[in-house]
Amino acid sequence: MQFDWGNKQSPIFTLQITAQIWELFLNITCYSWTMPERTSDLFKCWIRRRGSKTQKKWWKLIPSCIWWSVWKERNGRCFEDRSNFIHKVKWNCLVSLLFWCKQLYIEDVDQIIL
């Protein structure tokens, strides 16, 4: 059974998938956090105060990775008539983050999911 995405042109679509991916990253990093109202505020407060320098590097990539994954999924649905199950979208986002970290030579990426 596929996730009920509603109208793929709707802002609700984007909110549903984005909220679930944010929740994924917050849960796997055991981080408690409240989503700010504006994106500009998100960048100001998305700072990892604890952890190693390596953890802080990959932490900074998470928002961009989420937005990239949501954009790719939405474009696939709107322009290519292609859709994925929600767990596949989450998996693709996590794999993208790991790939980006590897490309930027960020070590200890396995700490993301430990």
PDB file of N, CA and C in Angstrom:
ATOM      1  N   MET A   1       0.838  -1.180   0.000  1.00  0.00           N
ATOM      2  CA  MET A   1       0.000   0.000   0.000  1.00  0.00           C
ATOM      3  C   MET A   1       0.882   1.242   0.000  1.00  0.00           C
ATOM      4  N   GLN A   2       0.613   2.175  -0.901  1.00  0.00           N
ATOM      5  CA  GLN A   2       1.398   3.393  -0.970  1.00  0.00           C
ATOM      6  C   GLN A   2       0.879   4.439   0.001  1.00  0.00           C
ATOM      7  N   PHE A   3       1.767   5.329   0.406  1.00  0.00           N
ATOM      8  CA  PHE A   3       1.423   6.442   1.276  1.00  0.00           C
ATOM      9  C   PHE A   3       0.437   7.346   0.555  1.00  0.00           C
ATOM     10  N   ASP A   4      -0.540   7.881   1.271  1.00  0.00           N
ATOM     11  CA  ASP A   4      -1.523   8.779   0.674  1.00  0.00           C
ATOM     12  C   ASP A   4      -0.913  10.171   0.541  1.00  0.00           C
ATOM     13  N   TRP A   5      -0.490  10.498  -0.640  1.00  0.00           N
ATOM     14  CA  TRP A   5       0.196  11.762  -0.881  1.00  0.00           C
ATOM     15  C   TRP A   5      -0.772  12.906  -1.157  1.00  0.00           C
ATOM     16  N   GLY A   6      -2.024  12.600  -1.415  1.00  0.00           N
ATOM     17  CA  GLY A   6      -2.966  13.659  -1.773  1.00  0.00           C
ATOM     18  C   GLY A   6      -2.630  14.191  -3.153  1.00  0.00           C
ATOM     19  N   ASN A   7      -3.011  15.400  -3.406  1.00  0.00           N
ATOM     20  CA  ASN A   7      -2.738  16.047  -4.683  1.00  0.00           C
ATOM     21  C   ASN A   7      -1.242  16.349  -4.776  1.00  0.00           C
ATOM     22  N   LYS A   8      -0.588  15.786  -5.800  1.00  0.00           N
ATOM     23  CA  LYS A   8       0.869  15.950  -5.899  1.00  0.00           C
ATOM     24  C   LYS A   8       1.300  17.377  -6.203  1.00  0.00           C
ATOM     25  N   GLN A   9       0.359  18.242  -6.568  1.00  0.00           N
ATOM     26  CA  GLN A   9       0.675  19.651  -6.805  1.00  0.00           C
ATOM     27  C   GLN A   9       0.502  20.481  -5.529  1.00  0.00           C
ATOM     28  N   SER A  10      -0.092  19.888  -4.509  1.00  0.00           N
ATOM     29  CA  SER A  10      -0.469  20.601  -3.294  1.00  0.00           C
ATOM     30  C   SER A  10       0.714  20.827  -2.357  1.00  0.00           C
ATOM     31  N   PRO A  11       0.710  21.967  -1.659  1.00  0.00           N
ATOM     32  CA  PRO A  11       1.728  22.176  -0.614  1.00  0.00           C
ATOM     33  C   PRO A  11       1.632  21.139   0.503  1.00  0.00           C
ATOM     34  N   ILE A  12       0.439  20.577   0.702  1.00  0.00           N
ATOM     35  CA  ILE A  12       0.266  19.548   1.726  1.00  0.00           C
ATOM     36  C   ILE A  12       1.143  18.339   1.414  1.00  0.00           C
ATOM     37  N   PHE A  13       1.260  18.006   0.122  1.00  0.00           N
ATOM     38  CA  PHE A  13       2.133  16.908  -0.300  1.00  0.00           C
ATOM     39  C   PHE A  13       3.544  17.132   0.223  1.00  0.00           C
ATOM     40  N   THR A  14       4.068  18.307  -0.014  1.00  0.00           N
ATOM     41  CA  THR A  14       5.431  18.622   0.383  1.00  0.00           C
ATOM     42  C   THR A  14       5.567  18.593   1.903  1.00  0.00           C
ATOM     43  N   LEU A  15       4.586  19.107   2.595  1.00  0.00           N
ATOM     44  CA  LEU A  15       4.632  19.110   4.057  1.00  0.00           C
ATOM     45  C   LEU A  15       4.619  17.700   4.633  1.00  0.00           C
ATOM     46  N   GLN A  16       3.802  16.825   4.076  1.00  0.00           N
ATOM     47  CA  GLN A  16       3.704  15.458   4.591  1.00  0.00           C
ATOM     48  C   GLN A  16       5.033  14.723   4.467  1.00  0.00           C
ATOM     49  N   ILE A  17       5.609  14.753   3.298  1.00  0.00           N
ATOM     50  CA  ILE A  17       6.853  14.009   3.092  1.00  0.00           C
ATOM     51  C   ILE A  17       8.007  14.655   3.855  1.00  0.00           C
ATOM     52  N   THR A  18       8.066  15.975   3.844  1.00  0.00           N
ATOM     53  CA  THR A  18       9.153  16.671   4.521  1.00  0.00           C
ATOM     54  C   THR A  18       9.120  16.409   6.025  1.00  0.00           C
ATOM     55  N   ALA A  19       7.948  16.476   6.613  1.00  0.00           N
ATOM     56  CA  ALA A  19       7.821  16.232   8.055  1.00  0.00           C
ATOM     57  C   ALA A  19       8.281  14.824   8.416  1.00  0.00           C
ATOM     58  N   GLN A  20       7.937  13.855   7.601  1.00  0.00           N
ATOM     59  CA  GLN A  20       8.340  12.481   7.913  1.00  0.00           C
ATOM     60  C   GLN A  20       9.848  12.285   7.786  1.00  0.00           C
ATOM     61  N   ILE A  21      10.473  12.952   6.837  1.00  0.00           N
ATOM     62  CA  ILE A  21      11.928  12.811   6.685  1.00  0.00           C
ATOM     63  C   ILE A  21      12.657  13.538   7.817  1.00  0.00           C
ATOM     64  N   TRP A  22      12.171  14.726   8.199  1.00  0.00           N
ATOM     65  CA  TRP A  22      12.768  15.406   9.354  1.00  0.00           C
ATOM     66  C   TRP A  22      12.690  14.509  10.580  1.00  0.00           C
ATOM     67  N   GLU A  23      11.521  13.921  10.783  1.00  0.00           N
ATOM     68  CA  GLU A  23      11.330  13.031  11.928  1.00  0.00           C
ATOM     69  C   GLU A  23      12.297  11.856  11.891  1.00  0.00           C
ATOM     70  N   LEU A  24      12.536  11.312  10.706  1.00  0.00           N
ATOM     71  CA  LEU A  24      13.496  10.216  10.562  1.00  0.00           C
ATOM     72  C   LEU A  24      14.865  10.631  11.092  1.00  0.00           C
ATOM     73  N   PHE A  25      15.375  11.760  10.624  1.00  0.00           N
ATOM     74  CA  PHE A  25      16.708  12.190  11.037  1.00  0.00           C
ATOM     75  C   PHE A  25      16.761  12.556  12.513  1.00  0.00           C
ATOM     76  N   LEU A  26      15.726  13.173  13.019  1.00  0.00           N
ATOM     77  CA  LEU A  26      15.714  13.508  14.443  1.00  0.00           C
ATOM     78  C   LEU A  26      15.673  12.252  15.298  1.00  0.00           C
ATOM     79  N   ASN A  27      14.934  11.244  14.855  1.00  0.00           N
ATOM     80  CA  ASN A  27      14.863   9.990  15.615  1.00  0.00           C
ATOM     81  C   ASN A  27      16.175   9.213  15.583  1.00  0.00           C
ATOM     82  N   ILE A  28      16.802   9.119  14.422  1.00  0.00           N
ATOM     83  CA  ILE A  28      18.029   8.319  14.362  1.00  0.00           C
ATOM     84  C   ILE A  28      19.214   9.015  15.025  1.00  0.00           C
ATOM     85  N   THR A  29      19.129  10.329  15.190  1.00  0.00           N
ATOM     86  CA  THR A  29      20.210  11.041  15.874  1.00  0.00           C
ATOM     87  C   THR A  29      19.872  11.304  17.338  1.00  0.00           C
ATOM     88  N   CYS A  30      18.682  10.845  17.765  1.00  0.00           N
ATOM     89  CA  CYS A  30      18.223  11.042  19.155  1.00  0.00           C
ATOM     90  C   CYS A  30      18.266  12.515  19.544  1.00  0.00           C
ATOM     91  N   TYR A  31      17.805  13.352  18.657  1.00  0.00           N
ATOM     92  CA  TYR A  31      17.843  14.796  18.860  1.00  0.00           C
ATOM     93  C   TYR A  31      16.421  15.312  19.009  1.00  0.00           C
ATOM     94  N   SER A  32      16.165  16.075  20.048  1.00  0.00           N
ATOM     95  CA  SER A  32      14.856  16.664  20.275  1.00  0.00           C
ATOM     96  C   SER A  32      14.890  18.101  19.771  1.00  0.00           C
ATOM     97  N   TRP A  33      13.928  18.435  18.904  1.00  0.00           N
ATOM     98  CA  TRP A  33      13.997  19.728  18.243  1.00  0.00           C
ATOM     99  C   TRP A  33      12.626  20.108  17.744  1.00  0.00           C
ATOM    100  N   THR A  34      12.318  21.391  17.722  1.00  0.00           N
ATOM    101  CA  THR A  34      11.044  21.897  17.222  1.00  0.00           C
ATOM    102  C   THR A  34      11.299  22.665  15.934  1.00  0.00           C
ATOM    103  N   MET A  35      10.505  22.385  14.919  1.00  0.00           N
ATOM    104  CA  MET A  35      10.658  23.025  13.613  1.00  0.00           C
ATOM    105  C   MET A  35      10.299  24.508  13.709  1.00  0.00           C
ATOM    106  N   PRO A  36      11.202  25.397  13.289  1.00  0.00           N
ATOM    107  CA  PRO A  36      10.878  26.824  13.284  1.00  0.00           C
ATOM    108  C   PRO A  36       9.880  27.161  12.168  1.00  0.00           C
ATOM    109  N   GLU A  37       9.337  28.348  12.248  1.00  0.00           N
ATOM    110  CA  GLU A  37       8.309  28.766  11.282  1.00  0.00           C
ATOM    111  C   GLU A  37       8.886  29.039   9.893  1.00  0.00           C
ATOM    112  N   ARG A  38      10.064  29.633   9.819  1.00  0.00           N
ATOM    113  CA  ARG A  38      10.644  30.010   8.527  1.00  0.00           C
ATOM    114  C   ARG A  38      11.947  29.253   8.260  1.00  0.00           C
ATOM    115  N   THR A  39      12.242  29.071   6.991  1.00  0.00           N
ATOM    116  CA  THR A  39      13.467  28.381   6.585  1.00  0.00           C
ATOM    117  C   THR A  39      14.704  29.144   7.058  1.00  0.00           C
ATOM    118  N   SER A  40      14.665  30.451   6.982  1.00  0.00           N
ATOM    119  CA  SER A  40      15.818  31.249   7.434  1.00  0.00           C
ATOM    120  C   SER A  40      16.102  31.005   8.920  1.00  0.00           C
ATOM    121  N   ASP A  41      15.037  30.828   9.708  1.00  0.00           N
ATOM    122  CA  ASP A  41      15.221  30.521  11.121  1.00  0.00           C
ATOM    123  C   ASP A  41      15.814  29.128  11.312  1.00  0.00           C
ATOM    124  N   LEU A  42      15.444  28.220  10.434  1.00  0.00           N
ATOM    125  CA  LEU A  42      15.984  26.864  10.514  1.00  0.00           C
ATOM    126  C   LEU A  42      17.507  26.886  10.379  1.00  0.00           C
ATOM    127  N   PHE A  43      18.014  27.652   9.412  1.00  0.00           N
ATOM    128  CA  PHE A  43      19.455  27.714   9.224  1.00  0.00           C
ATOM    129  C   PHE A  43      20.163  28.328  10.437  1.00  0.00           C
ATOM    130  N   LYS A  44      19.511  29.272  11.088  1.00  0.00           N
ATOM    131  CA  LYS A  44      20.119  29.911  12.257  1.00  0.00           C
ATOM    132  C   LYS A  44      20.217  28.968  13.453  1.00  0.00           C
ATOM    133  N   CYS A  45      19.220  28.090  13.594  1.00  0.00           N
ATOM    134  CA  CYS A  45      19.202  27.252  14.792  1.00  0.00           C
ATOM    135  C   CYS A  45      19.652  25.811  14.547  1.00  0.00           C
ATOM    136  N   TRP A  46      19.934  25.440  13.299  1.00  0.00           N
ATOM    137  CA  TRP A  46      20.340  24.066  12.999  1.00  0.00           C
ATOM    138  C   TRP A  46      21.838  23.908  13.273  1.00  0.00           C
ATOM    139  N   ILE A  47      22.186  23.959  14.541  1.00  0.00           N
ATOM    140  CA  ILE A  47      23.580  23.844  14.963  1.00  0.00           C
ATOM    141  C   ILE A  47      23.671  22.691  15.947  1.00  0.00           C
ATOM    142  N   ARG A  48      24.602  21.828  15.699  1.00  0.00           N
ATOM    143  CA  ARG A  48      24.816  20.709  16.633  1.00  0.00           C
ATOM    144  C   ARG A  48      25.867  21.159  17.640  1.00  0.00           C
ATOM    145  N   ARG A  49      25.460  21.334  18.854  1.00  0.00           N
ATOM    146  CA  ARG A  49      26.350  21.852  19.880  1.00  0.00           C
ATOM    147  C   ARG A  49      27.207  20.772  20.520  1.00  0.00           C
ATOM    148  N   ARG A  50      26.762  19.539  20.421  1.00  0.00           N
ATOM    149  CA  ARG A  50      27.553  18.453  21.004  1.00  0.00           C
ATOM    150  C   ARG A  50      28.009  17.526  19.886  1.00  0.00           C
ATOM    151  N   GLY A  51      29.003  16.722  20.211  1.00  0.00           N
ATOM    152  CA  GLY A  51      29.508  15.781  19.224  1.00  0.00           C
ATOM    153  C   GLY A  51      30.850  16.217  18.665  1.00  0.00           C
ATOM    154  N   SER A  52      31.422  15.324  17.887  1.00  0.00           N
ATOM    155  CA  SER A  52      32.741  15.571  17.303  1.00  0.00           C
ATOM    156  C   SER A  52      32.645  16.554  16.136  1.00  0.00           C
ATOM    157  N   LYS A  53      33.801  16.999  15.669  1.00  0.00           N
ATOM    158  CA  LYS A  53      33.832  17.877  14.491  1.00  0.00           C
ATOM    159  C   LYS A  53      33.227  17.175  13.280  1.00  0.00           C
ATOM    160  N   THR A  54      33.463  15.867  13.176  1.00  0.00           N
ATOM    161  CA  THR A  54      32.913  15.086  12.073  1.00  0.00           C
ATOM    162  C   THR A  54      31.391  15.078  12.127  1.00  0.00           C
ATOM    163  N   GLN A  55      30.846  14.868  13.307  1.00  0.00           N
ATOM    164  CA  GLN A  55      29.392  14.862  13.451  1.00  0.00           C
ATOM    165  C   GLN A  55      28.806  16.224  13.089  1.00  0.00           C
ATOM    166  N   LYS A  56      29.469  17.271  13.452  1.00  0.00           N
ATOM    167  CA  LYS A  56      28.989  18.614  13.123  1.00  0.00           C
ATOM    168  C   LYS A  56      29.007  18.856  11.619  1.00  0.00           C
ATOM    169  N   LYS A  57      29.962  18.270  10.915  1.00  0.00           N
ATOM    170  CA  LYS A  57      30.031  18.437   9.464  1.00  0.00           C
ATOM    171  C   LYS A  57      28.848  17.776   8.777  1.00  0.00           C
ATOM    172  N   TRP A  58      28.554  16.494   9.133  1.00  0.00           N
ATOM    173  CA  TRP A  58      27.435  15.846   8.458  1.00  0.00           C
ATOM    174  C   TRP A  58      26.108  16.400   8.920  1.00  0.00           C
ATOM    175  N   TRP A  59      26.055  16.920  10.153  1.00  0.00           N
ATOM    176  CA  TRP A  59      24.832  17.527  10.680  1.00  0.00           C
ATOM    177  C   TRP A  59      24.406  18.705   9.810  1.00  0.00           C
ATOM    178  N   LYS A  60      25.365  19.496   9.338  1.00  0.00           N
ATOM    179  CA  LYS A  60      25.069  20.659   8.500  1.00  0.00           C
ATOM    180  C   LYS A  60      24.473  20.268   7.146  1.00  0.00           C
ATOM    181  N   LEU A  61      24.729  19.050   6.686  1.00  0.00           N
ATOM    182  CA  LEU A  61      24.222  18.600   5.391  1.00  0.00           C
ATOM    183  C   LEU A  61      22.767  18.121   5.423  1.00  0.00           C
ATOM    184  N   ILE A  62      22.258  17.795   6.596  1.00  0.00           N
ATOM    185  CA  ILE A  62      20.933  17.184   6.690  1.00  0.00           C
ATOM    186  C   ILE A  62      19.829  18.043   6.066  1.00  0.00           C
ATOM    187  N   PRO A  63      19.711  19.345   6.375  1.00  0.00           N
ATOM    188  CA  PRO A  63      18.619  20.112   5.751  1.00  0.00           C
ATOM    189  C   PRO A  63      18.673  20.101   4.225  1.00  0.00           C
ATOM    190  N   SER A  64      19.843  20.297   3.665  1.00  0.00           N
ATOM    191  CA  SER A  64      19.969  20.295   2.200  1.00  0.00           C
ATOM    192  C   SER A  64      19.603  18.943   1.611  1.00  0.00           C
ATOM    193  N   CYS A  65      19.990  17.899   2.280  1.00  0.00           N
ATOM    194  CA  CYS A  65      19.688  16.548   1.815  1.00  0.00           C
ATOM    195  C   CYS A  65      18.178  16.291   1.820  1.00  0.00           C
ATOM    196  N   ILE A  66      17.514  16.738   2.867  1.00  0.00           N
ATOM    197  CA  ILE A  66      16.057  16.569   2.939  1.00  0.00           C
ATOM    198  C   ILE A  66      15.381  17.332   1.815  1.00  0.00           C
ATOM    199  N   TRP A  67      15.750  18.580   1.638  1.00  0.00           N
ATOM    200  CA  TRP A  67      15.114  19.382   0.593  1.00  0.00           C
ATOM    201  C   TRP A  67      15.408  18.830  -0.793  1.00  0.00           C
ATOM    202  N   TRP A  68      16.604  18.332  -1.014  1.00  0.00           N
ATOM    203  CA  TRP A  68      16.954  17.720  -2.290  1.00  0.00           C
ATOM    204  C   TRP A  68      16.081  16.494  -2.552  1.00  0.00           C
ATOM    205  N   SER A  69      15.920  15.661  -1.558  1.00  0.00           N
ATOM    206  CA  SER A  69      15.141  14.432  -1.712  1.00  0.00           C
ATOM    207  C   SER A  69      13.667  14.725  -1.966  1.00  0.00           C
ATOM    208  N   VAL A  70      13.123  15.704  -1.260  1.00  0.00           N
ATOM    209  CA  VAL A  70      11.719  16.083  -1.466  1.00  0.00           C
ATOM    210  C   VAL A  70      11.539  16.671  -2.862  1.00  0.00           C
ATOM    211  N   TRP A  71      12.466  17.505  -3.279  1.00  0.00           N
ATOM    212  CA  TRP A  71      12.397  18.104  -4.615  1.00  0.00           C
ATOM    213  C   TRP A  71      12.440  17.024  -5.697  1.00  0.00           C
ATOM    214  N   LYS A  72      13.358  16.073  -5.546  1.00  0.00           N
ATOM    215  CA  LYS A  72      13.453  14.985  -6.534  1.00  0.00           C
ATOM    216  C   LYS A  72      12.163  14.173  -6.597  1.00  0.00           C
ATOM    217  N   GLU A  73      11.607  13.834  -5.459  1.00  0.00           N
ATOM    218  CA  GLU A  73      10.374  13.046  -5.430  1.00  0.00           C
ATOM    219  C   GLU A  73       9.208  13.824  -6.023  1.00  0.00           C
ATOM    220  N   ARG A  74       9.092  15.083  -5.659  1.00  0.00           N
ATOM    221  CA  ARG A  74       7.987  15.898  -6.185  1.00  0.00           C
ATOM    222  C   ARG A  74       8.104  16.059  -7.697  1.00  0.00           C
ATOM    223  N   ASN A  75       9.291  16.314  -8.190  1.00  0.00           N
ATOM    224  CA  ASN A  75       9.472  16.440  -9.639  1.00  0.00           C
ATOM    225  C   ASN A  75       9.172  15.132 -10.350  1.00  0.00           C
ATOM    226  N   GLY A  76       9.577  14.008  -9.769  1.00  0.00           N
ATOM    227  CA  GLY A  76       9.264  12.713 -10.365  1.00  0.00           C
ATOM    228  C   GLY A  76       7.770  12.498 -10.477  1.00  0.00           C
ATOM    229  N   ARG A  77       7.034  12.914  -9.455  1.00  0.00           N
ATOM    230  CA  ARG A  77       5.579  12.753  -9.453  1.00  0.00           C
ATOM    231  C   ARG A  77       4.903  13.720 -10.412  1.00  0.00           C
ATOM    232  N   CYS A  78       5.388  14.961 -10.456  1.00  0.00           N
ATOM    233  CA  CYS A  78       4.730  15.988 -11.274  1.00  0.00           C
ATOM    234  C   CYS A  78       5.079  15.898 -12.753  1.00  0.00           C
ATOM    235  N   PHE A  79       6.308  15.541 -13.073  1.00  0.00           N
ATOM    236  CA  PHE A  79       6.753  15.625 -14.461  1.00  0.00           C
ATOM    237  C   PHE A  79       7.046  14.289 -15.125  1.00  0.00           C
ATOM    238  N   GLU A  80       7.273  13.246 -14.339  1.00  0.00           N
ATOM    239  CA  GLU A  80       7.630  11.950 -14.920  1.00  0.00           C
ATOM    240  C   GLU A  80       6.615  10.862 -14.605  1.00  0.00           C
ATOM    241  N   ASP A  81       5.550  11.218 -13.907  1.00  0.00           N
ATOM    242  CA  ASP A  81       4.511  10.263 -13.516  1.00  0.00           C
ATOM    243  C   ASP A  81       5.118   9.050 -12.820  1.00  0.00           C
ATOM    244  N   ARG A  82       6.086   9.328 -11.921  1.00  0.00           N
ATOM    245  CA  ARG A  82       6.786   8.290 -11.170  1.00  0.00           C
ATOM    246  C   ARG A  82       6.652   8.599  -9.688  1.00  0.00           C
ATOM    247  N   SER A  83       6.366   7.585  -8.898  1.00  0.00           N
ATOM    248  CA  SER A  83       6.247   7.815  -7.465  1.00  0.00           C
ATOM    249  C   SER A  83       6.901   6.676  -6.693  1.00  0.00           C
ATOM    250  N   ASN A  84       7.281   6.972  -5.479  1.00  0.00           N
ATOM    251  CA  ASN A  84       7.904   5.988  -4.598  1.00  0.00           C
ATOM    252  C   ASN A  84       7.097   5.868  -3.313  1.00  0.00           C
ATOM    253  N   PHE A  85       7.222   4.735  -2.654  1.00  0.00           N
ATOM    254  CA  PHE A  85       6.659   4.572  -1.327  1.00  0.00           C
ATOM    255  C   PHE A  85       7.439   5.472  -0.373  1.00  0.00           C
ATOM    256  N   ILE A  86       6.810   5.873   0.724  1.00  0.00           N
ATOM    257  CA  ILE A  86       7.456   6.780   1.672  1.00  0.00           C
ATOM    258  C   ILE A  86       8.756   6.197   2.231  1.00  0.00           C
ATOM    259  N   HIS A  87       8.789   4.895   2.489  1.00  0.00           N
ATOM    260  CA  HIS A  87      10.025   4.315   3.036  1.00  0.00           C
ATOM    261  C   HIS A  87      11.159   4.384   2.021  1.00  0.00           C
ATOM    262  N   LYS A  88      10.838   4.328   0.746  1.00  0.00           N
ATOM    263  CA  LYS A  88      11.862   4.438  -0.306  1.00  0.00           C
ATOM    264  C   LYS A  88      12.389   5.878  -0.376  1.00  0.00           C
ATOM    265  N   VAL A  89      11.503   6.851  -0.216  1.00  0.00           N
ATOM    266  CA  VAL A  89      11.932   8.255  -0.219  1.00  0.00           C
ATOM    267  C   VAL A  89      12.864   8.507   0.971  1.00  0.00           C
ATOM    268  N   LYS A  90      12.500   7.977   2.131  1.00  0.00           N
ATOM    269  CA  LYS A  90      13.357   8.126   3.316  1.00  0.00           C
ATOM    270  C   LYS A  90      14.708   7.447   3.098  1.00  0.00           C
ATOM    271  N   TRP A  91      14.680   6.245   2.561  1.00  0.00           N
ATOM    272  CA  TRP A  91      15.912   5.506   2.296  1.00  0.00           C
ATOM    273  C   TRP A  91      16.797   6.281   1.314  1.00  0.00           C
ATOM    274  N   ASN A  92      16.205   6.795   0.242  1.00  0.00           N
ATOM    275  CA  ASN A  92      16.964   7.563  -0.747  1.00  0.00           C
ATOM    276  C   ASN A  92      17.603   8.794  -0.109  1.00  0.00           C
ATOM    277  N   CYS A  93      16.890   9.427   0.808  1.00  0.00           N
ATOM    278  CA  CYS A  93      17.428  10.596   1.496  1.00  0.00           C
ATOM    279  C   CYS A  93      18.625  10.220   2.360  1.00  0.00           C
ATOM    280  N   LEU A  94      18.494   9.142   3.110  1.00  0.00           N
ATOM    281  CA  LEU A  94      19.591   8.693   3.963  1.00  0.00           C
ATOM    282  C   LEU A  94      20.803   8.283   3.131  1.00  0.00           C
ATOM    283  N   VAL A  95      20.581   7.565   2.050  1.00  0.00           N
ATOM    284  CA  VAL A  95      21.675   7.149   1.176  1.00  0.00           C
ATOM    285  C   VAL A  95      22.338   8.371   0.542  1.00  0.00           C
ATOM    286  N   SER A  96      21.548   9.353   0.159  1.00  0.00           N
ATOM    287  CA  SER A  96      22.119  10.589  -0.403  1.00  0.00           C
ATOM    288  C   SER A  96      23.020  11.278   0.604  1.00  0.00           C
ATOM    289  N   LEU A  97      22.581  11.344   1.857  1.00  0.00           N
ATOM    290  CA  LEU A  97      23.416  11.963   2.888  1.00  0.00           C
ATOM    291  C   LEU A  97      24.734  11.216   3.054  1.00  0.00           C
ATOM    292  N   LEU A  98      24.666   9.901   3.102  1.00  0.00           N
ATOM    293  CA  LEU A  98      25.894   9.109   3.233  1.00  0.00           C
ATOM    294  C   LEU A  98      26.817   9.313   2.031  1.00  0.00           C
ATOM    295  N   PHE A  99      26.236   9.379   0.841  1.00  0.00           N
ATOM    296  CA  PHE A  99      27.023   9.607  -0.376  1.00  0.00           C
ATOM    297  C   PHE A  99      27.679  10.989  -0.333  1.00  0.00           C
ATOM    298  N   TRP A 100      26.928  12.009   0.023  1.00  0.00           N
ATOM    299  CA  TRP A 100      27.489  13.360   0.100  1.00  0.00           C
ATOM    300  C   TRP A 100      28.634  13.417   1.097  1.00  0.00           C
ATOM    301  N   CYS A 101      28.456  12.786   2.239  1.00  0.00           N
ATOM    302  CA  CYS A 101      29.526  12.772   3.241  1.00  0.00           C
ATOM    303  C   CYS A 101      30.778  12.102   2.688  1.00  0.00           C
ATOM    304  N   LYS A 102      30.591  10.999   1.994  1.00  0.00           N
ATOM    305  CA  LYS A 102      31.738  10.295   1.414  1.00  0.00           C
ATOM    306  C   LYS A 102      32.440  11.174   0.376  1.00  0.00           C
ATOM    307  N   GLN A 103      31.665  11.869  -0.450  1.00  0.00           N
ATOM    308  CA  GLN A 103      32.251  12.733  -1.475  1.00  0.00           C
ATOM    309  C   GLN A 103      33.008  13.915  -0.874  1.00  0.00           C
ATOM    310  N   LEU A 104      32.586  14.348   0.294  1.00  0.00           N
ATOM    311  CA  LEU A 104      33.251  15.463   0.973  1.00  0.00           C
ATOM    312  C   LEU A 104      34.324  14.992   1.956  1.00  0.00           C
ATOM    313  N   TYR A 105      34.612  13.700   1.934  1.00  0.00           N
ATOM    314  CA  TYR A 105      35.623  13.089   2.804  1.00  0.00           C
ATOM    315  C   TYR A 105      35.327  13.300   4.281  1.00  0.00           C
ATOM    316  N   ILE A 106      34.063  13.223   4.630  1.00  0.00           N
ATOM    317  CA  ILE A 106      33.675  13.303   6.038  1.00  0.00           C
ATOM    318  C   ILE A 106      33.753  11.888   6.603  1.00  0.00           C
ATOM    319  N   GLU A 107      34.556  11.727   7.624  1.00  0.00           N
ATOM    320  CA  GLU A 107      34.774  10.401   8.212  1.00  0.00           C
ATOM    321  C   GLU A 107      33.709  10.085   9.255  1.00  0.00           C
ATOM    322  N   ASP A 108      33.675   8.850   9.677  1.00  0.00           N
ATOM    323  CA  ASP A 108      32.777   8.380  10.731  1.00  0.00           C
ATOM    324  C   ASP A 108      31.310   8.652  10.433  1.00  0.00           C
ATOM    325  N   VAL A 109      30.927   8.483   9.189  1.00  0.00           N
ATOM    326  CA  VAL A 109      29.545   8.707   8.798  1.00  0.00           C
ATOM    327  C   VAL A 109      28.633   7.651   9.422  1.00  0.00           C
ATOM    328  N   ASP A 110      29.189   6.515   9.768  1.00  0.00           N
ATOM    329  CA  ASP A 110      28.372   5.466  10.400  1.00  0.00           C
ATOM    330  C   ASP A 110      27.780   5.939  11.724  1.00  0.00           C
ATOM    331  N   GLN A 111      28.311   7.007  12.292  1.00  0.00           N
ATOM    332  CA  GLN A 111      27.760   7.545  13.539  1.00  0.00           C
ATOM    333  C   GLN A 111      26.358   8.133  13.338  1.00  0.00           C
ATOM    334  N   ILE A 112      25.998   8.408  12.112  1.00  0.00           N
ATOM    335  CA  ILE A 112      24.678   8.966  11.831  1.00  0.00           C
ATOM    336  C   ILE A 112      23.602   8.000  12.288  1.00  0.00           C
ATOM    337  N   ILE A 113      23.829   6.720  12.044  1.00  0.00           N
ATOM    338  CA  ILE A 113      22.786   5.757  12.358  1.00  0.00           C
ATOM    339  C   ILE A 113      23.109   4.902  13.565  1.00  0.00           C
ATOM    340  N   LEU A 114      24.100   5.281  14.332  1.00  0.00           N
ATOM    341  CA  LEU A 114      24.439   4.542  15.558  1.00  0.00           C
ATOM    342  C   LEU A 114      23.857   5.235  16.769  1.00  0.00           C
TER     343      LEU A 114
END
